[in-house]
């Protein structure tokens, strides 16, 4: 994450916000027999996307060394 760790917080927020909005929409519009399975599936995908987002943000990308040999 480096010095700009707040980008990770913003990314998590941008994943969480649509999930929360969709949950409230499902509660108001659907029957509970349909709402429960959809919510479980939605939070399953939310959990894994958040985990993989954190892994991608926390993993060292590595540095490629420059080729110092000049070919004339």
PDB file of N, CA and C in Angstrom:
ATOM      1  N   UNK A   1       0.821  -1.188   0.000  1.00  0.00           N
ATOM      2  CA  UNK A   1       0.000   0.000   0.000  1.00  0.00           C
ATOM      3  C   UNK A   1       0.867   1.254   0.000  1.00  0.00           C
ATOM      4  N   UNK A   2       1.969   1.200   0.659  1.00  0.00           N
ATOM      5  CA  UNK A   2       2.881   2.325   0.637  1.00  0.00           C
ATOM      6  C   UNK A   2       2.360   3.525   1.414  1.00  0.00           C
ATOM      7  N   UNK A   3       2.772   4.689   0.961  1.00  0.00           N
ATOM      8  CA  UNK A   3       2.403   5.916   1.652  1.00  0.00           C
ATOM      9  C   UNK A   3       0.947   6.309   1.409  1.00  0.00           C
ATOM     10  N   UNK A   4       0.381   5.854   0.324  1.00  0.00           N
ATOM     11  CA  UNK A   4      -0.991   6.232  -0.031  1.00  0.00           C
ATOM     12  C   UNK A   4      -1.972   5.139   0.374  1.00  0.00           C
ATOM     13  N   UNK A   5      -1.970   4.817   1.644  1.00  0.00           N
ATOM     14  CA  UNK A   5      -2.839   3.770   2.163  1.00  0.00           C
ATOM     15  C   UNK A   5      -4.309   4.142   2.078  1.00  0.00           C
ATOM     16  N   UNK A   6      -4.622   5.425   2.011  1.00  0.00           N
ATOM     17  CA  UNK A   6      -6.010   5.866   1.965  1.00  0.00           C
ATOM     18  C   UNK A   6      -6.700   5.443   0.675  1.00  0.00           C
ATOM     19  N   UNK A   7      -5.945   5.114  -0.361  1.00  0.00           N
ATOM     20  CA  UNK A   7      -6.553   4.586  -1.585  1.00  0.00           C
ATOM     21  C   UNK A   7      -7.224   3.243  -1.322  1.00  0.00           C
ATOM     22  N   UNK A   8      -6.638   2.454  -0.437  1.00  0.00           N
ATOM     23  CA  UNK A   8      -7.236   1.171  -0.079  1.00  0.00           C
ATOM     24  C   UNK A   8      -8.553   1.376   0.638  1.00  0.00           C
ATOM     25  N   UNK A   9      -8.591   2.339   1.559  1.00  0.00           N
ATOM     26  CA  UNK A   9      -9.842   2.630   2.266  1.00  0.00           C
ATOM     27  C   UNK A   9     -10.920   3.095   1.298  1.00  0.00           C
ATOM     28  N   UNK A  10     -10.547   3.919   0.348  1.00  0.00           N
ATOM     29  CA  UNK A  10     -11.508   4.399  -0.643  1.00  0.00           C
ATOM     30  C   UNK A  10     -12.016   3.244  -1.507  1.00  0.00           C
ATOM     31  N   UNK A  11     -11.122   2.343  -1.891  1.00  0.00           N
ATOM     32  CA  UNK A  11     -11.530   1.193  -2.711  1.00  0.00           C
ATOM     33  C   UNK A  11     -12.478   0.274  -1.950  1.00  0.00           C
ATOM     34  N   UNK A  12     -12.180   0.026  -0.674  1.00  0.00           N
ATOM     35  CA  UNK A  12     -13.080  -0.798   0.142  1.00  0.00           C
ATOM     36  C   UNK A  12     -14.444  -0.117   0.273  1.00  0.00           C
ATOM     37  N   UNK A  13     -14.437   1.200   0.461  1.00  0.00           N
ATOM     38  CA  UNK A  13     -15.695   1.945   0.538  1.00  0.00           C
ATOM     39  C   UNK A  13     -16.483   1.830  -0.761  1.00  0.00           C
ATOM     40  N   UNK A  14     -15.798   1.899  -1.899  1.00  0.00           N
ATOM     41  CA  UNK A  14     -16.481   1.821  -3.194  1.00  0.00           C
ATOM     42  C   UNK A  14     -17.001   0.414  -3.493  1.00  0.00           C
ATOM     43  N   UNK A  15     -16.508  -0.585  -2.816  1.00  0.00           N
ATOM     44  CA  UNK A  15     -17.053  -1.935  -2.946  1.00  0.00           C
ATOM     45  C   UNK A  15     -18.194  -2.130  -1.952  1.00  0.00           C
ATOM     46  N   UNK A  16     -18.067  -1.545  -0.764  1.00  0.00           N
ATOM     47  CA  UNK A  16     -19.058  -1.725   0.295  1.00  0.00           C
ATOM     48  C   UNK A  16     -20.347  -0.953   0.019  1.00  0.00           C
ATOM     49  N   UNK A  17     -20.234   0.240  -0.512  1.00  0.00           N
ATOM     50  CA  UNK A  17     -21.415   1.079  -0.736  1.00  0.00           C
ATOM     51  C   UNK A  17     -22.466   0.421  -1.634  1.00  0.00           C
ATOM     52  N   UNK A  18     -22.116  -0.079  -2.824  1.00  0.00           N
ATOM     53  CA  UNK A  18     -23.142  -0.740  -3.638  1.00  0.00           C
ATOM     54  C   UNK A  18     -23.729  -1.991  -2.987  1.00  0.00           C
ATOM     55  N   UNK A  19     -22.902  -2.707  -2.211  1.00  0.00           N
ATOM     56  CA  UNK A  19     -23.399  -3.890  -1.526  1.00  0.00           C
ATOM     57  C   UNK A  19     -24.447  -3.514  -0.484  1.00  0.00           C
ATOM     58  N   UNK A  20     -24.188  -2.457   0.275  1.00  0.00           N
ATOM     59  CA  UNK A  20     -25.148  -2.006   1.290  1.00  0.00           C
ATOM     60  C   UNK A  20     -26.429  -1.485   0.646  1.00  0.00           C
ATOM     61  N   UNK A  21     -26.292  -0.729  -0.417  1.00  0.00           N
ATOM     62  CA  UNK A  21     -27.477  -0.197  -1.105  1.00  0.00           C
ATOM     63  C   UNK A  21     -28.309  -1.338  -1.682  1.00  0.00           C
ATOM     64  N   UNK A  22     -27.644  -2.302  -2.286  1.00  0.00           N
ATOM     65  CA  UNK A  22     -28.366  -3.446  -2.852  1.00  0.00           C
ATOM     66  C   UNK A  22     -29.069  -4.251  -1.767  1.00  0.00           C
ATOM     67  N   UNK A  23     -28.460  -4.379  -0.601  1.00  0.00           N
ATOM     68  CA  UNK A  23     -29.096  -5.096   0.507  1.00  0.00           C
ATOM     69  C   UNK A  23     -30.388  -4.413   0.933  1.00  0.00           C
ATOM     70  N   UNK A  24     -30.351  -3.093   1.083  1.00  0.00           N
ATOM     71  CA  UNK A  24     -31.561  -2.364   1.485  1.00  0.00           C
ATOM     72  C   UNK A  24     -32.635  -2.417   0.410  1.00  0.00           C
ATOM     73  N   UNK A  25     -32.242  -2.414  -0.853  1.00  0.00           N
ATOM     74  CA  UNK A  25     -33.218  -2.535  -1.936  1.00  0.00           C
ATOM     75  C   UNK A  25     -33.863  -3.918  -1.911  1.00  0.00           C
ATOM     76  N   UNK A  26     -33.055  -4.959  -1.692  1.00  0.00           N
ATOM     77  CA  UNK A  26     -33.599  -6.316  -1.641  1.00  0.00           C
ATOM     78  C   UNK A  26     -34.557  -6.489  -0.468  1.00  0.00           C
ATOM     79  N   UNK A  27     -34.229  -5.885   0.663  1.00  0.00           N
ATOM     80  CA  UNK A  27     -35.102  -6.011   1.838  1.00  0.00           C
ATOM     81  C   UNK A  27     -36.470  -5.409   1.552  1.00  0.00           C
ATOM     82  N   UNK A  28     -36.496  -4.274   0.880  1.00  0.00           N
ATOM     83  CA  UNK A  28     -37.762  -3.580   0.648  1.00  0.00           C
ATOM     84  C   UNK A  28     -38.595  -4.206  -0.466  1.00  0.00           C
ATOM     85  N   UNK A  29     -37.964  -4.825  -1.450  1.00  0.00           N
ATOM     86  CA  UNK A  29     -38.714  -5.246  -2.628  1.00  0.00           C
ATOM     87  C   UNK A  29     -39.018  -6.738  -2.712  1.00  0.00           C
ATOM     88  N   UNK A  30     -38.203  -7.592  -2.112  1.00  0.00           N
ATOM     89  CA  UNK A  30     -38.371  -9.022  -2.319  1.00  0.00           C
ATOM     90  C   UNK A  30     -38.959  -9.722  -1.102  1.00  0.00           C
ATOM     91  N   UNK A  31     -39.524 -10.881  -1.375  1.00  0.00           N
ATOM     92  CA  UNK A  31     -40.014 -11.761  -0.325  1.00  0.00           C
ATOM     93  C   UNK A  31     -38.816 -12.386   0.395  1.00  0.00           C
ATOM     94  N   UNK A  32     -38.996 -12.751   1.633  1.00  0.00           N
ATOM     95  CA  UNK A  32     -37.868 -13.264   2.436  1.00  0.00           C
ATOM     96  C   UNK A  32     -37.332 -14.582   1.882  1.00  0.00           C
ATOM     97  N   UNK A  33     -38.156 -15.377   1.216  1.00  0.00           N
ATOM     98  CA  UNK A  33     -37.676 -16.647   0.660  1.00  0.00           C
ATOM     99  C   UNK A  33     -36.711 -16.422  -0.509  1.00  0.00           C
ATOM    100  N   UNK A  34     -36.823 -15.291  -1.169  1.00  0.00           N
ATOM    101  CA  UNK A  34     -35.901 -14.950  -2.252  1.00  0.00           C
ATOM    102  C   UNK A  34     -34.761 -14.088  -1.727  1.00  0.00           C
ATOM    103  N   UNK A  35     -35.047 -13.269  -0.744  1.00  0.00           N
ATOM    104  CA  UNK A  35     -34.070 -12.319  -0.215  1.00  0.00           C
ATOM    105  C   UNK A  35     -32.880 -13.013   0.456  1.00  0.00           C
ATOM    106  N   UNK A  36     -33.140 -14.038   1.234  1.00  0.00           N
ATOM    107  CA  UNK A  36     -32.072 -14.705   1.988  1.00  0.00           C
ATOM    108  C   UNK A  36     -31.025 -15.337   1.061  1.00  0.00           C
ATOM    109  N   UNK A  37     -31.404 -16.159   0.068  1.00  0.00           N
ATOM    110  CA  UNK A  37     -30.368 -16.745  -0.808  1.00  0.00           C
ATOM    111  C   UNK A  37     -29.591 -15.694  -1.606  1.00  0.00           C
ATOM    112  N   UNK A  38     -30.289 -14.666  -2.096  1.00  0.00           N
ATOM    113  CA  UNK A  38     -29.592 -13.623  -2.842  1.00  0.00           C
ATOM    114  C   UNK A  38     -28.613 -12.859  -1.967  1.00  0.00           C
ATOM    115  N   UNK A  39     -28.984 -12.611  -0.734  1.00  0.00           N
ATOM    116  CA  UNK A  39     -28.098 -11.905   0.184  1.00  0.00           C
ATOM    117  C   UNK A  39     -26.871 -12.735   0.520  1.00  0.00           C
ATOM    118  N   UNK A  40     -27.054 -14.027   0.709  1.00  0.00           N
ATOM    119  CA  UNK A  40     -25.921 -14.907   0.997  1.00  0.00           C
ATOM    120  C   UNK A  40     -24.948 -14.927  -0.178  1.00  0.00           C
ATOM    121  N   UNK A  41     -25.458 -15.048  -1.385  1.00  0.00           N
ATOM    122  CA  UNK A  41     -24.611 -15.052  -2.582  1.00  0.00           C
ATOM    123  C   UNK A  41     -23.909 -13.711  -2.744  1.00  0.00           C
ATOM    124  N   UNK A  42     -24.643 -12.631  -2.525  1.00  0.00           N
ATOM    125  CA  UNK A  42     -24.071 -11.297  -2.684  1.00  0.00           C
ATOM    126  C   UNK A  42     -22.945 -11.053  -1.676  1.00  0.00           C
ATOM    127  N   UNK A  43     -23.147 -11.435  -0.424  1.00  0.00           N
ATOM    128  CA  UNK A  43     -22.113 -11.241   0.577  1.00  0.00           C
ATOM    129  C   UNK A  43     -20.943 -12.202   0.402  1.00  0.00           C
ATOM    130  N   UNK A  44     -21.181 -13.341  -0.192  1.00  0.00           N
ATOM    131  CA  UNK A  44     -20.097 -14.262  -0.548  1.00  0.00           C
ATOM    132  C   UNK A  44     -19.159 -13.589  -1.551  1.00  0.00           C
ATOM    133  N   UNK A  45     -19.731 -13.009  -2.611  1.00  0.00           N
ATOM    134  CA  UNK A  45     -18.917 -12.309  -3.601  1.00  0.00           C
ATOM    135  C   UNK A  45     -18.274 -11.056  -3.015  1.00  0.00           C
ATOM    136  N   UNK A  46     -18.986 -10.366  -2.141  1.00  0.00           N
ATOM    137  CA  UNK A  46     -18.427  -9.177  -1.490  1.00  0.00           C
ATOM    138  C   UNK A  46     -17.221  -9.546  -0.626  1.00  0.00           C
ATOM    139  N   UNK A  47     -17.337 -10.618   0.123  1.00  0.00           N
ATOM    140  CA  UNK A  47     -16.249 -11.042   0.990  1.00  0.00           C
ATOM    141  C   UNK A  47     -15.001 -11.386   0.178  1.00  0.00           C
ATOM    142  N   UNK A  48     -15.177 -12.165  -0.882  1.00  0.00           N
ATOM    143  CA  UNK A  48     -14.021 -12.555  -1.673  1.00  0.00           C
ATOM    144  C   UNK A  48     -13.438 -11.390  -2.460  1.00  0.00           C
ATOM    145  N   UNK A  49     -14.260 -10.489  -2.959  1.00  0.00           N
ATOM    146  CA  UNK A  49     -13.704  -9.333  -3.660  1.00  0.00           C
ATOM    147  C   UNK A  49     -12.936  -8.438  -2.703  1.00  0.00           C
ATOM    148  N   UNK A  50     -13.398  -8.298  -1.465  1.00  0.00           N
ATOM    149  CA  UNK A  50     -12.670  -7.501  -0.479  1.00  0.00           C
ATOM    150  C   UNK A  50     -11.355  -8.162  -0.089  1.00  0.00           C
ATOM    151  N   UNK A  51     -11.370  -9.467   0.075  1.00  0.00           N
ATOM    152  CA  UNK A  51     -10.143 -10.191   0.413  1.00  0.00           C
ATOM    153  C   UNK A  51      -9.113 -10.059  -0.710  1.00  0.00           C
ATOM    154  N   UNK A  52      -9.542 -10.281  -1.951  1.00  0.00           N
ATOM    155  CA  UNK A  52      -8.611 -10.198  -3.067  1.00  0.00           C
ATOM    156  C   UNK A  52      -8.139  -8.769  -3.314  1.00  0.00           C
ATOM    157  N   UNK A  53      -8.987  -7.789  -3.041  1.00  0.00           N
ATOM    158  CA  UNK A  53      -8.569  -6.397  -3.146  1.00  0.00           C
ATOM    159  C   UNK A  53      -7.484  -6.085  -2.132  1.00  0.00           C
ATOM    160  N   UNK A  54      -7.660  -6.560  -0.901  1.00  0.00           N
ATOM    161  CA  UNK A  54      -6.643  -6.339   0.124  1.00  0.00           C
ATOM    162  C   UNK A  54      -5.342  -7.060  -0.222  1.00  0.00           C
ATOM    163  N   UNK A  55      -5.433  -8.272  -0.719  1.00  0.00           N
ATOM    164  CA  UNK A  55      -4.229  -9.019  -1.103  1.00  0.00           C
ATOM    165  C   UNK A  55      -3.492  -8.292  -2.229  1.00  0.00           C
ATOM    166  N   UNK A  56      -4.235  -7.810  -3.217  1.00  0.00           N
ATOM    167  CA  UNK A  56      -3.597  -7.095  -4.322  1.00  0.00           C
ATOM    168  C   UNK A  56      -2.956  -5.795  -3.854  1.00  0.00           C
ATOM    169  N   UNK A  57      -3.590  -5.114  -2.895  1.00  0.00           N
ATOM    170  CA  UNK A  57      -3.035  -3.862  -2.395  1.00  0.00           C
ATOM    171  C   UNK A  57      -1.869  -4.053  -1.448  1.00  0.00           C
ATOM    172  N   UNK A  58      -1.812  -5.183  -0.763  1.00  0.00           N
ATOM    173  CA  UNK A  58      -0.771  -5.400   0.235  1.00  0.00           C
ATOM    174  C   UNK A  58       0.430  -6.184  -0.293  1.00  0.00           C
ATOM    175  N   UNK A  59       0.344  -6.701  -1.500  1.00  0.00           N
ATOM    176  CA  UNK A  59       1.420  -7.493  -2.065  1.00  0.00           C
ATOM    177  C   UNK A  59       2.476  -6.585  -2.689  1.00  0.00           C
ATOM    178  N   UNK A  60       3.726  -6.903  -2.449  1.00  0.00           N
ATOM    179  CA  UNK A  60       4.823  -6.143  -3.031  1.00  0.00           C
ATOM    180  C   UNK A  60       4.896  -6.446  -4.523  1.00  0.00           C
ATOM    181  N   UNK A  61       4.824  -5.426  -5.378  1.00  0.00           N
ATOM    182  CA  UNK A  61       4.831  -5.693  -6.816  1.00  0.00           C
ATOM    183  C   UNK A  61       6.202  -6.074  -7.357  1.00  0.00           C
ATOM    184  N   UNK A  62       7.242  -5.821  -6.583  1.00  0.00           N
ATOM    185  CA  UNK A  62       8.586  -6.136  -7.039  1.00  0.00           C
ATOM    186  C   UNK A  62       9.157  -5.012  -7.888  1.00  0.00           C
ATOM    187  N   UNK A  63      10.443  -5.043  -8.069  1.00  0.00           N
ATOM    188  CA  UNK A  63      11.125  -4.013  -8.847  1.00  0.00           C
ATOM    189  C   UNK A  63      11.989  -4.709  -9.883  1.00  0.00           C
ATOM    190  N   UNK A  64      11.861  -4.297 -11.127  1.00  0.00           N
ATOM    191  CA  UNK A  64      12.715  -4.820 -12.185  1.00  0.00           C
ATOM    192  C   UNK A  64      13.952  -3.943 -12.271  1.00  0.00           C
ATOM    193  N   UNK A  65      15.114  -4.555 -12.216  1.00  0.00           N
ATOM    194  CA  UNK A  65      16.345  -3.792 -12.302  1.00  0.00           C
ATOM    195  C   UNK A  65      16.593  -3.358 -13.738  1.00  0.00           C
ATOM    196  N   UNK A  66      17.197  -2.191 -13.878  1.00  0.00           N
ATOM    197  CA  UNK A  66      17.508  -1.687 -15.209  1.00  0.00           C
ATOM    198  C   UNK A  66      18.669  -2.474 -15.813  1.00  0.00           C
ATOM    199  N   UNK A  67      18.628  -2.571 -17.106  1.00  0.00           N
ATOM    200  CA  UNK A  67      19.725  -3.214 -17.815  1.00  0.00           C
ATOM    201  C   UNK A  67      20.830  -2.181 -17.983  1.00  0.00           C
ATOM    202  N   UNK A  68      21.934  -2.342 -17.272  1.00  0.00           N
ATOM    203  CA  UNK A  68      23.011  -1.369 -17.294  1.00  0.00           C
ATOM    204  C   UNK A  68      24.026  -1.625 -18.407  1.00  0.00           C
ATOM    205  N   UNK A  69      23.882  -2.720 -19.115  1.00  0.00           N
ATOM    206  CA  UNK A  69      24.797  -3.039 -20.195  1.00  0.00           C
ATOM    207  C   UNK A  69      24.298  -2.354 -21.471  1.00  0.00           C
ATOM    208  N   UNK A  70      25.194  -1.545 -22.083  1.00  0.00           N
ATOM    209  CA  UNK A  70      24.813  -0.852 -23.317  1.00  0.00           C
ATOM    210  C   UNK A  70      25.302  -1.654 -24.519  1.00  0.00           C
ATOM    211  N   UNK A  71      24.453  -1.787 -25.464  1.00  0.00           N
ATOM    212  CA  UNK A  71      24.811  -2.499 -26.707  1.00  0.00           C
ATOM    213  C   UNK A  71      24.941  -1.445 -27.801  1.00  0.00           C
ATOM    214  N   UNK A  72      26.129  -1.397 -28.417  1.00  0.00           N
ATOM    215  CA  UNK A  72      26.368  -0.407 -29.464  1.00  0.00           C
ATOM    216  C   UNK A  72      26.263  -1.011 -30.823  1.00  0.00           C
TER     217      UNK A  72
END
